[in-house]
Structure formats: C-alpha cells, structure tokens
Amino acid sequence: MTRKSSNARVQKHREALRRAGLRPVQIWVPDTRRADFALQCRSQSRRVATADRADTELSHFMEEALADVDGWSA
C-alpha cells in the first residue's frame, strides 16, 4: 500500500465527515507517560474532594439534579 493511497483514503473519510456536518477538533491531554502523572492526579483529586466537602450548596444542587433524571432513558 502506498502512502498516497493511504492519504487519499484519509482525505476521502474526512470529506465524508465534513459533508455529514462534522468538523475536526484538536485537543491536548496530559501525557500519562510522565513520571509525575500519577502524583498530579492524586494531588488534583484531593483538592477537588476537599473543595466538594466544603461546598454544601454544590452538594445539594448535585443531589437535586440527580433526583431530576429518574426515569430518563437514552
């Protein structure tokens, strides 16, 4: 298989997606291979948990929102 045919197939696929009303979006995510990745995850998780425990208004809002979705289906 040549590179040209591979590129052509990719281009054809992208054009079909665009015709379907979609567009490409690039996102950047943390590199899970970094040595400090797990440490950063733990640190951020602890901060979020601490903030959540301190914010009773948010907890109340979340409980109400969860109760509001009973009976929903996909």
N, C-alpha and C. Protein backbone atom coordinates (compact mmCIF):
# COMPACT_ATOMS: atom_id res chain seq x y z
N MET A 1 0.85 -1.18 0.00
CA MET A 1 0.00 0.00 0.00
C MET A 1 0.89 1.24 0.00
N THR A 2 0.60 2.14 -0.86
CA THR A 2 1.42 3.34 -0.96
C THR A 2 0.91 4.42 -0.02
N ARG A 3 1.81 5.32 0.30
CA ARG A 3 1.44 6.43 1.18
C ARG A 3 0.36 7.29 0.53
N LYS A 4 0.46 7.45 -0.78
CA LYS A 4 -0.50 8.29 -1.50
C LYS A 4 -1.92 7.71 -1.37
N SER A 5 -2.07 6.41 -1.51
CA SER A 5 -3.41 5.83 -1.42
C SER A 5 -3.94 5.92 0.01
N SER A 6 -3.06 5.78 0.98
CA SER A 6 -3.47 5.92 2.38
C SER A 6 -3.94 7.35 2.65
N ASN A 7 -3.17 8.32 2.19
CA ASN A 7 -3.55 9.73 2.35
C ASN A 7 -4.87 10.03 1.66
N ALA A 8 -5.06 9.44 0.47
CA ALA A 8 -6.30 9.66 -0.27
C ALA A 8 -7.50 9.09 0.49
N ARG A 9 -7.32 7.91 1.09
CA ARG A 9 -8.42 7.32 1.86
C ARG A 9 -8.76 8.17 3.07
N VAL A 10 -7.75 8.66 3.75
CA VAL A 10 -7.96 9.52 4.92
C VAL A 10 -8.68 10.79 4.50
N GLN A 11 -8.24 11.40 3.42
CA GLN A 11 -8.87 12.63 2.92
C GLN A 11 -10.33 12.38 2.54
N LYS A 12 -10.59 11.25 1.88
CA LYS A 12 -11.96 10.91 1.49
C LYS A 12 -12.83 10.74 2.74
N HIS A 13 -12.30 10.08 3.75
CA HIS A 13 -13.04 9.88 5.00
C HIS A 13 -13.34 11.22 5.67
N ARG A 14 -12.35 12.10 5.73
CA ARG A 14 -12.54 13.42 6.34
C ARG A 14 -13.57 14.25 5.58
N GLU A 15 -13.54 14.17 4.27
CA GLU A 15 -14.52 14.90 3.47
C GLU A 15 -15.93 14.39 3.73
N ALA A 16 -16.07 13.07 3.89
CA ALA A 16 -17.38 12.50 4.20
C ALA A 16 -17.88 12.98 5.55
N LEU A 17 -16.99 13.06 6.52
CA LEU A 17 -17.37 13.56 7.84
C LEU A 17 -17.79 15.02 7.77
N ARG A 18 -17.08 15.81 6.99
CA ARG A 18 -17.45 17.22 6.83
C ARG A 18 -18.82 17.36 6.16
N ARG A 19 -19.07 16.53 5.14
CA ARG A 19 -20.38 16.56 4.49
C ARG A 19 -21.48 16.18 5.46
N ALA A 20 -21.16 15.37 6.44
CA ALA A 20 -22.13 14.95 7.46
C ALA A 20 -22.33 16.04 8.52
N GLY A 21 -21.64 17.16 8.36
CA GLY A 21 -21.81 18.26 9.29
C GLY A 21 -20.84 18.26 10.46
N LEU A 22 -19.82 17.44 10.39
CA LEU A 22 -18.84 17.37 11.46
C LEU A 22 -17.60 18.18 11.09
N ARG A 23 -16.82 18.51 12.09
CA ARG A 23 -15.56 19.20 11.83
C ARG A 23 -14.51 18.70 12.80
N PRO A 24 -13.26 18.70 12.39
CA PRO A 24 -12.20 18.19 13.26
C PRO A 24 -11.90 19.17 14.39
N VAL A 25 -11.58 18.62 15.54
CA VAL A 25 -11.19 19.42 16.71
C VAL A 25 -9.96 18.77 17.31
N GLN A 26 -8.97 19.56 17.61
CA GLN A 26 -7.75 19.04 18.24
C GLN A 26 -7.78 19.40 19.71
N ILE A 27 -7.51 18.42 20.57
CA ILE A 27 -7.43 18.69 22.00
C ILE A 27 -6.10 18.17 22.53
N TRP A 28 -5.63 18.81 23.55
CA TRP A 28 -4.40 18.40 24.20
C TRP A 28 -4.75 17.81 25.56
N VAL A 29 -4.20 16.67 25.85
CA VAL A 29 -4.46 15.99 27.12
C VAL A 29 -3.14 15.72 27.83
N PRO A 30 -3.19 15.51 29.13
CA PRO A 30 -1.94 15.22 29.86
C PRO A 30 -1.27 13.96 29.33
N ASP A 31 0.04 13.96 29.36
CA ASP A 31 0.83 12.81 28.94
C ASP A 31 0.88 11.81 30.09
N THR A 32 0.18 10.70 29.95
CA THR A 32 0.10 9.71 31.02
C THR A 32 1.43 8.97 31.24
N ARG A 33 2.39 9.18 30.34
CA ARG A 33 3.69 8.52 30.49
C ARG A 33 4.66 9.32 31.36
N ARG A 34 4.30 10.54 31.69
CA ARG A 34 5.19 11.36 32.52
C ARG A 34 5.34 10.75 33.90
N ALA A 35 6.52 10.89 34.47
CA ALA A 35 6.80 10.31 35.77
C ALA A 35 5.90 10.88 36.87
N ASP A 36 5.53 12.15 36.76
CA ASP A 36 4.73 12.78 37.80
C ASP A 36 3.23 12.73 37.53
N PHE A 37 2.80 11.99 36.52
CA PHE A 37 1.38 11.98 36.17
C PHE A 37 0.50 11.49 37.32
N ALA A 38 0.82 10.34 37.89
CA ALA A 38 0.01 9.78 38.99
C ALA A 38 0.00 10.71 40.19
N LEU A 39 1.14 11.31 40.50
CA LEU A 39 1.23 12.24 41.61
C LEU A 39 0.32 13.44 41.38
N GLN A 40 0.33 13.98 40.17
CA GLN A 40 -0.54 15.11 39.83
C GLN A 40 -2.02 14.72 39.92
N CYS A 41 -2.36 13.52 39.49
CA CYS A 41 -3.74 13.04 39.58
C CYS A 41 -4.20 12.98 41.03
N ARG A 42 -3.38 12.40 41.88
CA ARG A 42 -3.73 12.32 43.30
C ARG A 42 -3.88 13.70 43.92
N SER A 43 -2.95 14.58 43.61
CA SER A 43 -2.99 15.92 44.16
C SER A 43 -4.26 16.67 43.73
N GLN A 44 -4.57 16.61 42.46
CA GLN A 44 -5.76 17.30 41.97
C GLN A 44 -7.04 16.66 42.51
N SER A 45 -7.05 15.34 42.62
CA SER A 45 -8.22 14.65 43.17
C SER A 45 -8.47 15.05 44.62
N ARG A 46 -7.40 15.15 45.39
CA ARG A 46 -7.54 15.58 46.79
C ARG A 46 -8.09 16.99 46.88
N ARG A 47 -7.59 17.88 46.03
CA ARG A 47 -8.09 19.27 46.03
C ARG A 47 -9.57 19.32 45.69
N VAL A 48 -9.98 18.55 44.70
CA VAL A 48 -11.39 18.53 44.31
C VAL A 48 -12.25 17.96 45.44
N ALA A 49 -11.80 16.87 46.05
CA ALA A 49 -12.56 16.27 47.14
C ALA A 49 -12.70 17.23 48.31
N THR A 50 -11.63 17.93 48.64
CA THR A 50 -11.68 18.90 49.73
C THR A 50 -12.66 20.03 49.41
N ALA A 51 -12.59 20.53 48.18
CA ALA A 51 -13.49 21.61 47.76
C ALA A 51 -14.94 21.13 47.77
N ASP A 52 -15.18 19.90 47.30
CA ASP A 52 -16.55 19.36 47.28
C ASP A 52 -17.12 19.23 48.69
N ARG A 53 -16.31 18.75 49.64
CA ARG A 53 -16.79 18.61 51.02
C ARG A 53 -17.13 19.96 51.63
N ALA A 54 -16.40 20.98 51.25
CA ALA A 54 -16.61 22.32 51.81
C ALA A 54 -17.79 23.04 51.16
N ASP A 55 -18.22 22.61 49.99
CA ASP A 55 -19.27 23.32 49.26
C ASP A 55 -20.61 22.58 49.41
N THR A 56 -21.31 22.83 50.50
CA THR A 56 -22.58 22.13 50.75
C THR A 56 -23.65 22.55 49.74
N GLU A 57 -23.58 23.79 49.26
CA GLU A 57 -24.56 24.25 48.27
C GLU A 57 -24.43 23.45 46.97
N LEU A 58 -23.19 23.19 46.56
CA LEU A 58 -22.97 22.39 45.36
C LEU A 58 -23.47 20.97 45.57
N SER A 59 -23.21 20.39 46.72
CA SER A 59 -23.67 19.03 47.01
C SER A 59 -25.19 18.96 46.93
N HIS A 60 -25.88 19.95 47.49
CA HIS A 60 -27.34 19.99 47.44
C HIS A 60 -27.82 20.10 45.99
N PHE A 61 -27.20 20.96 45.22
CA PHE A 61 -27.55 21.12 43.81
C PHE A 61 -27.38 19.81 43.05
N MET A 62 -26.27 19.13 43.29
CA MET A 62 -25.99 17.87 42.59
C MET A 62 -27.02 16.80 42.96
N GLU A 63 -27.40 16.73 44.24
CA GLU A 63 -28.41 15.76 44.66
C GLU A 63 -29.74 16.05 43.98
N GLU A 64 -30.12 17.31 43.90
CA GLU A 64 -31.37 17.68 43.23
C GLU A 64 -31.31 17.33 41.74
N ALA A 65 -30.17 17.61 41.11
CA ALA A 65 -30.02 17.30 39.69
C ALA A 65 -30.10 15.80 39.45
N LEU A 66 -29.49 15.03 40.32
CA LEU A 66 -29.53 13.57 40.18
C LEU A 66 -30.95 13.05 40.34
N ALA A 67 -31.70 13.61 41.29
CA ALA A 67 -33.08 13.17 41.50
C ALA A 67 -33.95 13.53 40.30
N ASP A 68 -33.58 14.58 39.58
CA ASP A 68 -34.37 15.05 38.45
C ASP A 68 -34.25 14.16 37.22
N VAL A 69 -33.27 13.27 37.16
CA VAL A 69 -33.08 12.44 35.98
C VAL A 69 -33.70 11.05 36.13
N ASP A 70 -34.34 10.77 37.26
CA ASP A 70 -35.00 9.47 37.44
C ASP A 70 -36.00 9.24 36.31
N GLY A 71 -35.92 8.10 35.68
CA GLY A 71 -36.84 7.75 34.62
C GLY A 71 -36.37 8.14 33.23
N TRP A 72 -35.27 8.86 33.14
CA TRP A 72 -34.74 9.21 31.82
C TRP A 72 -34.19 7.97 31.14
N SER A 73 -34.24 7.97 29.84
CA SER A 73 -33.64 6.87 29.10
C SER A 73 -32.90 7.43 27.89
N ALA A 74 -31.95 6.66 27.41
CA ALA A 74 -31.14 7.11 26.28
C ALA A 74 -31.83 6.91 24.98
